[in-house]
Amino acid sequence: MSVIETIIDIPAEHERNVCGQFDEYVKKIERTLHVTMIERDGELKIIGPEETIRKAKSVFNNLIELSKRGNAITQQNVDYALSLSFLEKDHEILEIDKDIICRTINGRPVKPKTLGQKAYVDAIRKKMIVFGIGPAGTGKTYLAMAMAIQAFKDGEVGRIILTRPAIEAGEKLGFLPGDLQSKIDPYLRPLYDALYQIMGADSYLHNAEKGLIEVAPLAYMRGRTLDNAYIILDEAQNTTPAQMKMFLTRIGFGSKVVVTGDQTQKDLPKEAVSGLDMAIKVLKKVEEIGFCYLTSSDVVRHPLVQRIVEAYDEYETRAGDKDDRKTGKRRYR
């Protein structure tokens, strides 16, 4: 295979952003695509086989374009651009970047960062009820919150209701200090954090006082009919089938619902059935309901989180296969 070379011009104001500290992003692309990259005086020379040069050039040009749009390039951007190059979907990273949902209180745009997240956001726009299922760090809750806050600001809904089951992850609720609200607040903290970041504390408190934004445990939903509201059920893997049915039958006219959960992180008693698992089986053929499955490739936290998710998935798969051989049973997913 013949070795060729090509040169890319890097605008001086974007050079550090796209090359990374100590050229770490350049080195990452070199190692992954097996090319040689020499960066000097605003030019990047790429040396290698024609096919890999094409991929490296496409990846780097995409990073430059993302930088020109005001993005701070991260290792996640580089890793995802590389993965798309192997799928021959290089250009789609720029299409994803165009979809700005809203901006945080500091002006930072909130937008999907992977194809899985883009499909999730599109499903929320099109369907009345959407289940977002996937591991930690895939943006399930944060993107749903951004969509809810924007819909509220645009007048599409009259209020936002955020809820999650108050299930202990190894600790006991009764031993926590304070009154009932003080015991429950730590379980709702991730929802408050997202609200403060996107909406701002003052705006949240103002709307909460008027009853337009409500953050409450799932048990508080019983007996209510929720009209003209954007409702998010977080940590749905910790619901019981009865709780999930109760929640889904609260939905009234003009409402939109997003249910998020991670099937691998249940805090229910060992033998208990998850309401999320049962809902997937029961509702999978209902056309008005969307199911979006995010994977480790959609993790947008620190790159180590993605590797942790993949390692646990691999271990649990091996452990399940081993148990199946012992019992002679087959597993269905």
Protein backbone atom coordinates (compact mmCIF):
# COMPACT_ATOMS: atom_id res chain seq x y z
CA MET A 1 0.00 0.00 0.00
CA SER A 2 1.52 3.32 -1.08
CA VAL A 3 2.31 6.00 1.47
CA ILE A 4 1.27 9.56 0.64
CA GLU A 5 1.09 12.87 2.48
CA THR A 6 -1.30 15.79 2.71
CA ILE A 7 -1.34 19.15 4.50
CA ILE A 8 -4.13 20.81 6.50
CA ASP A 9 -4.09 24.51 7.41
CA ILE A 10 -4.99 25.18 11.04
CA PRO A 11 -6.26 28.67 11.92
CA ALA A 12 -3.98 30.05 14.63
CA GLU A 13 -6.88 30.90 16.98
CA HIS A 14 -8.09 27.27 16.91
CA GLU A 15 -4.73 25.51 16.97
CA ARG A 16 -4.53 24.83 20.71
CA ASN A 17 -8.20 23.86 20.94
CA VAL A 18 -8.08 21.21 18.19
CA CYS A 19 -4.57 19.90 18.89
CA GLY A 20 -5.02 19.62 22.66
CA GLN A 21 -2.57 20.27 25.46
CA PHE A 22 0.89 19.04 24.42
CA ASP A 23 -0.72 17.89 21.14
CA GLU A 24 -2.59 15.11 22.97
CA TYR A 25 -5.43 15.02 20.41
CA VAL A 26 -2.98 14.84 17.50
CA LYS A 27 -1.21 11.92 19.19
CA LYS A 28 -4.55 10.19 19.81
CA ILE A 29 -5.47 10.40 16.11
CA GLU A 30 -1.98 9.18 15.16
CA ARG A 31 -2.23 6.11 17.39
CA THR A 32 -5.78 5.24 16.37
CA LEU A 33 -5.41 5.63 12.59
CA HIS A 34 -1.72 4.62 12.33
CA VAL A 35 -0.62 7.78 10.56
CA THR A 36 2.19 10.26 11.20
CA MET A 37 1.14 13.84 11.93
CA ILE A 38 3.59 16.73 12.07
CA GLU A 39 2.22 20.07 13.29
CA ARG A 40 4.31 23.17 12.52
CA ASP A 41 3.64 26.87 11.86
CA GLY A 42 -0.13 26.55 11.48
CA GLU A 43 0.09 23.52 9.19
CA LEU A 44 -0.51 19.85 9.88
CA LYS A 45 1.22 17.35 7.64
CA ILE A 46 -0.35 13.86 7.61
CA ILE A 47 1.67 10.92 6.27
CA GLY A 48 0.31 7.41 5.74
CA PRO A 49 -1.79 5.14 3.51
CA GLU A 50 -4.39 6.94 1.41
CA GLU A 51 -7.45 5.50 3.20
CA THR A 52 -6.23 6.34 6.71
CA ILE A 53 -5.11 9.80 5.57
CA ARG A 54 -8.64 10.43 4.31
CA LYS A 55 -10.06 9.50 7.72
CA ALA A 56 -7.50 11.54 9.65
CA LYS A 57 -8.08 14.57 7.44
CA SER A 58 -11.85 14.28 7.85
CA VAL A 59 -11.59 13.91 11.64
CA PHE A 60 -9.30 16.91 11.98
CA ASN A 61 -11.36 19.11 9.65
CA ASN A 62 -14.46 18.24 11.68
CA LEU A 63 -12.68 19.21 14.92
CA ILE A 64 -11.65 22.54 13.35
CA GLU A 65 -15.26 23.20 12.30
CA LEU A 66 -16.53 22.35 15.81
CA SER A 67 -13.96 24.75 17.24
CA LYS A 68 -15.07 27.50 14.82
CA ARG A 69 -18.61 27.04 16.12
CA GLY A 70 -17.41 27.90 19.63
CA ASN A 71 -17.01 24.39 21.06
CA ALA A 72 -14.23 23.61 23.53
CA ILE A 73 -12.82 20.40 22.04
CA THR A 74 -12.63 17.55 24.55
CA GLN A 75 -11.29 14.03 24.43
CA GLN A 76 -14.89 12.85 24.04
CA ASN A 77 -15.19 14.89 20.82
CA VAL A 78 -11.97 13.36 19.47
CA ASP A 79 -12.93 9.80 20.43
CA TYR A 80 -16.40 10.15 18.92
CA ALA A 81 -15.13 11.75 15.71
CA LEU A 82 -12.71 8.82 15.35
CA SER A 83 -15.43 6.22 15.97
CA LEU A 84 -17.68 7.84 13.35
CA SER A 85 -14.82 7.79 10.83
CA PHE A 86 -14.70 3.99 11.10
CA LEU A 87 -18.45 3.86 10.46
CA GLU A 88 -18.11 6.14 7.42
CA LYS A 89 -20.33 8.71 9.18
CA ASP A 90 -17.71 11.42 9.62
CA HIS A 91 -19.97 14.31 8.58
CA GLU A 92 -22.72 13.45 11.08
CA ILE A 93 -20.80 14.90 14.03
CA LEU A 94 -21.38 18.34 12.50
CA GLU A 95 -25.10 17.65 11.97
CA ILE A 96 -25.44 16.64 15.63
CA ASP A 97 -23.71 19.84 16.73
CA LYS A 98 -26.32 22.00 14.96
CA ASP A 99 -29.15 20.81 17.22
CA ILE A 100 -29.06 23.33 20.08
CA ILE A 101 -31.85 22.62 22.57
CA CYS A 102 -31.31 25.64 24.82
CA ARG A 103 -28.57 27.51 26.65
CA THR A 104 -27.51 27.34 30.28
CA ILE A 105 -27.65 30.34 32.59
CA ASN A 106 -24.00 30.97 31.59
CA GLY A 107 -24.81 30.90 27.87
CA ARG A 108 -23.34 27.46 27.18
CA PRO A 109 -25.36 25.60 24.52
CA VAL A 110 -27.03 22.35 25.53
CA LYS A 111 -27.10 19.91 22.62
CA PRO A 112 -26.77 16.19 21.87
CA LYS A 113 -23.19 15.01 21.40
CA THR A 114 -23.69 11.57 19.89
CA LEU A 115 -25.98 9.91 17.34
CA GLY A 116 -27.73 8.06 20.17
CA GLN A 117 -28.41 11.30 22.02
CA LYS A 118 -29.64 12.94 18.81
CA ALA A 119 -32.09 10.06 18.24
CA TYR A 120 -33.23 10.44 21.87
CA VAL A 121 -33.88 14.18 21.51
CA ASP A 122 -35.69 13.67 18.19
CA ALA A 123 -37.91 10.98 19.78
CA ILE A 124 -38.82 13.36 22.63
CA ARG A 125 -39.89 15.94 20.06
CA LYS A 126 -42.06 13.48 18.13
CA LYS A 127 -43.59 11.20 20.80
CA MET A 128 -45.88 11.90 23.72
CA ILE A 129 -44.06 9.37 25.94
CA VAL A 130 -40.40 8.42 25.57
CA PHE A 131 -38.32 5.93 27.54
CA GLY A 132 -34.60 6.80 27.63
CA ILE A 133 -32.70 3.70 28.70
CA GLY A 134 -28.94 3.47 29.09
CA PRO A 135 -25.92 3.57 31.41
CA ALA A 136 -24.71 6.44 33.58
CA GLY A 137 -23.24 9.43 31.79
CA THR A 138 -25.27 9.20 28.58
CA GLY A 139 -27.19 12.42 29.25
CA LYS A 140 -30.62 10.81 29.67
CA THR A 141 -31.83 13.07 32.46
CA TYR A 142 -29.94 16.24 31.52
CA LEU A 143 -31.18 16.32 27.93
CA ALA A 144 -34.75 15.57 29.06
CA MET A 145 -34.50 18.44 31.57
CA ALA A 146 -33.22 20.79 28.86
CA MET A 147 -36.13 19.83 26.59
CA ALA A 148 -38.61 20.38 29.43
CA ILE A 149 -37.23 23.78 30.40
CA GLN A 150 -37.22 24.99 26.78
CA ALA A 151 -40.81 23.78 26.25
CA PHE A 152 -41.81 25.62 29.45
CA LYS A 153 -40.08 28.84 28.31
CA ASP A 154 -41.75 28.59 24.89
CA GLY A 155 -45.19 28.20 26.48
CA GLU A 156 -45.72 24.69 25.09
CA VAL A 157 -46.53 23.44 28.62
CA GLY A 158 -47.74 25.22 31.73
CA ARG A 159 -45.53 23.47 34.26
CA ILE A 160 -42.68 21.03 34.79
CA ILE A 161 -42.91 18.05 37.12
CA LEU A 162 -39.77 16.12 38.01
CA THR A 163 -39.97 12.96 40.04
CA ARG A 164 -38.00 9.90 41.03
CA PRO A 165 -38.52 7.02 43.46
CA ALA A 166 -36.86 7.54 46.85
CA ILE A 167 -35.06 4.20 46.96
CA GLU A 168 -31.89 3.79 49.05
CA ALA A 169 -28.65 2.76 47.32
CA GLY A 170 -27.43 0.74 50.30
CA GLU A 171 -28.45 3.24 53.00
CA LYS A 172 -31.68 3.49 54.96
CA LEU A 173 -33.89 6.51 54.51
CA GLY A 174 -35.18 6.45 58.08
CA PHE A 175 -31.74 6.98 59.58
CA LEU A 176 -31.06 10.19 57.65
CA PRO A 177 -31.35 13.37 59.77
CA GLY A 178 -34.15 15.91 59.51
CA ASP A 179 -37.81 15.95 58.59
CA LEU A 180 -39.38 14.11 55.63
CA GLN A 181 -38.40 16.79 53.07
CA SER A 182 -34.80 16.81 54.35
CA LYS A 183 -34.65 13.03 54.01
CA ILE A 184 -36.02 13.11 50.47
CA ASP A 185 -34.02 16.07 49.07
CA PRO A 186 -30.73 14.15 48.63
CA TYR A 187 -32.51 11.74 46.27
CA LEU A 188 -33.75 14.67 44.18
CA ARG A 189 -30.44 16.58 44.20
CA PRO A 190 -29.43 15.61 40.60
CA LEU A 191 -32.70 17.13 39.37
CA TYR A 192 -32.12 20.36 41.30
CA ASP A 193 -28.54 20.57 39.98
CA ALA A 194 -29.72 20.39 36.37
CA LEU A 195 -32.46 22.97 37.01
CA TYR A 196 -30.02 25.43 38.58
CA GLN A 197 -27.49 25.00 35.77
CA ILE A 198 -29.95 25.47 32.90
CA MET A 199 -32.56 27.78 34.42
CA GLY A 200 -30.72 29.49 37.26
CA ALA A 201 -31.54 29.27 40.97
CA ASP A 202 -33.56 32.52 41.09
CA SER A 203 -35.76 31.60 38.13
CA TYR A 204 -36.31 28.09 39.52
CA LEU A 205 -37.27 29.36 42.99
CA HIS A 206 -39.62 31.98 41.50
CA ASN A 207 -41.45 29.38 39.40
CA ALA A 208 -41.39 26.78 42.17
CA GLU A 209 -43.10 29.22 44.57
CA LYS A 210 -45.88 29.67 42.00
CA GLY A 211 -46.23 25.88 41.65
CA LEU A 212 -45.07 25.90 38.02
CA ILE A 213 -42.04 23.70 38.70
CA GLU A 214 -42.34 20.78 41.05
CA VAL A 215 -39.67 18.35 42.21
CA ALA A 216 -41.17 15.51 44.23
CA PRO A 217 -40.84 11.82 45.09
CA LEU A 218 -42.82 9.42 42.93
CA ALA A 219 -45.15 8.54 45.81
CA TYR A 220 -46.55 12.10 45.67
CA MET A 221 -47.94 11.47 42.17
CA ARG A 222 -50.68 9.09 43.30
CA GLY A 223 -54.24 10.34 42.84
CA ARG A 224 -53.29 13.23 40.56
CA THR A 225 -54.09 14.00 36.92
CA LEU A 226 -51.26 15.88 35.23
CA ASP A 227 -52.54 18.08 32.39
CA ASN A 228 -50.49 20.53 30.28
CA ALA A 229 -47.25 19.45 31.96
CA TYR A 230 -43.78 18.21 31.03
CA ILE A 231 -43.17 15.25 33.32
CA ILE A 232 -39.84 13.49 33.84
CA LEU A 233 -39.54 10.26 35.80
CA ASP A 234 -35.87 9.70 36.65
CA GLU A 235 -34.24 6.48 37.95
CA ALA A 236 -37.23 4.50 36.68
CA GLN A 237 -35.39 1.18 37.14
CA ASN A 238 -36.16 1.57 40.86
CA THR A 239 -39.93 1.68 40.41
CA THR A 240 -42.15 -1.32 41.06
CA PRO A 241 -44.60 -2.41 38.32
CA ALA A 242 -47.45 -0.90 40.37
CA GLN A 243 -45.64 2.43 40.70
CA MET A 244 -44.87 2.57 36.99
CA LYS A 245 -48.48 1.85 36.07
CA MET A 246 -49.66 4.46 38.57
CA PHE A 247 -47.29 7.05 37.09
CA LEU A 248 -48.14 6.41 33.44
CA THR A 249 -51.87 6.59 34.14
CA ARG A 250 -51.49 10.09 35.69
CA ILE A 251 -50.87 11.65 32.27
CA GLY A 252 -53.49 14.13 31.11
CA PHE A 253 -54.15 16.25 28.02
CA GLY A 254 -51.35 18.40 26.61
CA SER A 255 -48.66 16.62 28.57
CA LYS A 256 -45.36 15.08 27.53
CA VAL A 257 -43.52 12.41 29.49
CA VAL A 258 -39.90 11.25 29.56
CA VAL A 259 -38.95 8.19 31.60
CA THR A 260 -35.24 7.59 32.18
CA GLY A 261 -33.48 4.62 33.70
CA ASP A 262 -30.48 2.32 33.75
CA GLN A 263 -31.42 -1.36 33.82
CA THR A 264 -28.00 -2.30 35.20
CA GLN A 265 -28.23 -0.16 38.36
CA LYS A 266 -31.29 -1.33 40.29
CA ASP A 267 -31.54 -0.65 44.02
CA LEU A 268 -34.70 -2.76 44.45
CA PRO A 269 -34.69 -5.91 46.62
CA LYS A 270 -32.99 -8.77 44.80
CA GLU A 271 -36.12 -10.68 43.83
CA ALA A 272 -38.27 -7.63 43.02
CA VAL A 273 -39.37 -6.94 39.44
CA SER A 274 -38.47 -3.52 38.06
CA GLY A 275 -41.34 -1.41 36.79
CA LEU A 276 -39.08 -0.22 33.96
CA ASP A 277 -38.35 -3.77 32.78
CA MET A 278 -42.05 -4.65 32.81
CA ALA A 279 -43.06 -1.41 31.03
CA ILE A 280 -40.62 -2.17 28.19
CA LYS A 281 -42.25 -5.57 27.66
CA VAL A 282 -45.84 -4.36 28.04
CA LEU A 283 -45.64 -1.14 26.00
CA LYS A 284 -43.14 -1.97 23.25
CA LYS A 285 -45.88 -2.27 20.59
CA VAL A 286 -47.68 0.98 21.45
CA GLU A 287 -46.92 3.32 18.54
CA GLU A 288 -47.24 6.58 20.46
CA ILE A 289 -44.50 5.51 22.88
CA GLY A 290 -40.82 5.75 21.92
CA PHE A 291 -37.97 3.65 23.32
CA CYS A 292 -34.39 4.94 22.97
CA TYR A 293 -31.51 2.72 24.02
CA LEU A 294 -28.28 4.58 24.73
CA THR A 295 -25.01 2.65 25.04
CA SER A 296 -21.47 3.13 26.32
CA SER A 297 -20.63 4.91 23.05
CA ASP A 298 -23.05 7.68 24.14
CA VAL A 299 -21.26 8.34 27.44
CA VAL A 300 -20.18 11.98 27.54
CA ARG A 301 -18.57 12.10 30.97
CA HIS A 302 -14.87 11.45 31.56
CA PRO A 303 -13.57 8.82 29.07
CA LEU A 304 -12.85 6.53 32.02
CA VAL A 305 -16.60 6.30 32.70
CA GLN A 306 -17.10 4.78 29.23
CA ARG A 307 -14.43 2.17 29.92
CA ILE A 308 -15.97 1.37 33.32
CA VAL A 309 -19.41 0.84 31.73
CA GLU A 310 -17.91 -1.43 29.06
CA ALA A 311 -15.94 -3.41 31.65
CA TYR A 312 -19.04 -4.02 33.79
CA ASP A 313 -21.10 -5.01 30.73
CA GLU A 314 -18.43 -7.50 29.69
CA TYR A 315 -18.12 -8.94 33.21
CA GLU A 316 -21.89 -9.28 33.68
CA THR A 317 -22.24 -10.94 30.28
CA ARG A 318 -19.54 -13.48 31.16
CA ALA A 319 -21.08 -14.09 34.60
CA GLY A 320 -24.54 -14.57 33.07
CA ASP A 321 -23.24 -17.01 30.47
CA LYS A 322 -21.47 -18.96 33.22
CA ASP A 323 -24.66 -19.17 35.29
CA ASP A 324 -26.62 -20.30 32.24
CA ARG A 325 -24.19 -23.17 31.63
CA LYS A 326 -24.55 -24.26 35.24
CA THR A 327 -28.36 -24.18 35.26
CA GLY A 328 -28.96 -25.19 31.66
CA LYS A 329 -31.22 -22.15 31.21
CA ARG A 330 -31.31 -19.71 28.31
CA ARG A 331 -31.49 -15.96 28.85
CA TYR A 332 -33.71 -13.69 26.80
CA ARG A 333 -32.93 -9.97 26.42
